[in-house]
Each structure stands twice: as structure tokens, then as C-alpha cells.
Amino acid sequence: MSKDSENSLASKAAIAAGAAIGSAAVAAAVMFVKRRNDRKAAGQQPPATGTAPHYPPETD
């Protein structure tokens, strides 16, 4: 009978460990997406003006 309780305890520990790993993976994915969106927004250039020296002249 003690063997059954040990298996039960082991399976509960495995479930708890799996839940912790899963929640950490979800948190990491959310942080990755947020960081990616922040970099994307920061990389956008301001609108082109005639006085901005970092824009090449348009030649069409």
C-alpha cells in the first residue's frame, strides 16, 4: 500500500513540475512577443521631410 502512495506522490510532483515548466514557457513567449513589438515600433523612422538629411533624394 505504501507503494501506491509513493506513485501518487510522484505523479503529483510530475504534474506540478510540468505545470511550472508550461507556465514559464508561456511567460517567456509573451515577453518575447512584447520585446519584438517594442523593437519593431522603435525601428520605425519618422516621416520624410525635405530637411531630413538621412533620407536620400527621390529620383523617379
Protein backbone atom coordinates (compact mmCIF):
# COMPACT_ATOMS: atom_id res chain seq x y z
CA MET A 1 0.00 0.00 0.00
CA SER A 2 2.90 2.35 0.62
CA LYS A 3 4.00 1.83 -2.98
CA ASP A 4 0.67 3.22 -4.23
CA SER A 5 1.04 6.37 -2.15
CA GLU A 6 4.60 6.87 -3.44
CA ASN A 7 3.39 6.61 -7.03
CA SER A 8 0.62 9.03 -6.30
CA LEU A 9 3.07 11.49 -4.76
CA ALA A 10 5.45 11.09 -7.70
CA SER A 11 2.71 11.69 -10.22
CA LYS A 12 1.54 14.79 -8.34
CA ALA A 13 5.10 16.10 -8.32
CA ALA A 14 5.44 15.41 -12.04
CA ILE A 15 2.20 17.25 -12.75
CA ALA A 16 3.33 20.21 -10.65
CA ALA A 17 6.69 20.30 -12.42
CA GLY A 18 5.00 20.14 -15.81
CA ALA A 19 2.67 22.97 -14.88
CA ALA A 20 5.58 25.12 -13.71
CA ILE A 21 7.53 24.48 -16.91
CA GLY A 22 4.46 25.19 -19.03
CA SER A 23 3.68 28.46 -17.30
CA ALA A 24 7.31 29.54 -17.61
CA ALA A 25 7.20 28.78 -21.34
CA VAL A 26 4.05 30.86 -21.77
CA ALA A 27 5.58 33.76 -19.83
CA ALA A 28 8.74 33.60 -21.96
CA ALA A 29 6.68 33.62 -25.16
CA VAL A 30 4.69 36.65 -24.02
CA MET A 31 7.89 38.51 -23.11
CA PHE A 32 9.46 37.61 -26.47
CA VAL A 33 6.48 38.92 -28.42
CA LYS A 34 6.38 42.13 -26.37
CA ARG A 35 10.10 42.73 -26.90
CA ARG A 36 9.73 42.03 -30.60
CA ASN A 37 6.87 44.52 -30.91
CA ASP A 38 8.82 47.14 -28.95
CA ARG A 39 11.81 46.77 -31.26
CA LYS A 40 9.56 46.95 -34.30
CA ALA A 41 7.97 50.19 -33.06
CA ALA A 42 11.34 51.70 -32.12
CA GLY A 43 12.80 50.91 -35.55
CA GLN A 44 10.19 52.93 -37.43
CA GLN A 45 11.60 56.06 -38.99
CA PRO A 46 9.94 59.45 -38.73
CA PRO A 47 8.03 60.71 -41.76
CA ALA A 48 10.16 62.00 -44.61
CA THR A 49 10.70 65.74 -44.83
CA GLY A 50 12.76 67.83 -47.22
CA THR A 51 15.11 68.94 -44.43
CA ALA A 52 15.88 65.49 -43.01
CA PRO A 53 19.48 64.72 -44.06
CA HIS A 54 19.22 60.96 -43.51
CA TYR A 55 16.75 60.42 -46.35
CA PRO A 56 18.17 60.12 -49.86
CA PRO A 57 16.60 62.32 -52.52
CA GLU A 58 13.88 60.64 -54.55
CA THR A 59 14.79 60.09 -58.18
CA ASP A 60 11.93 58.79 -60.24
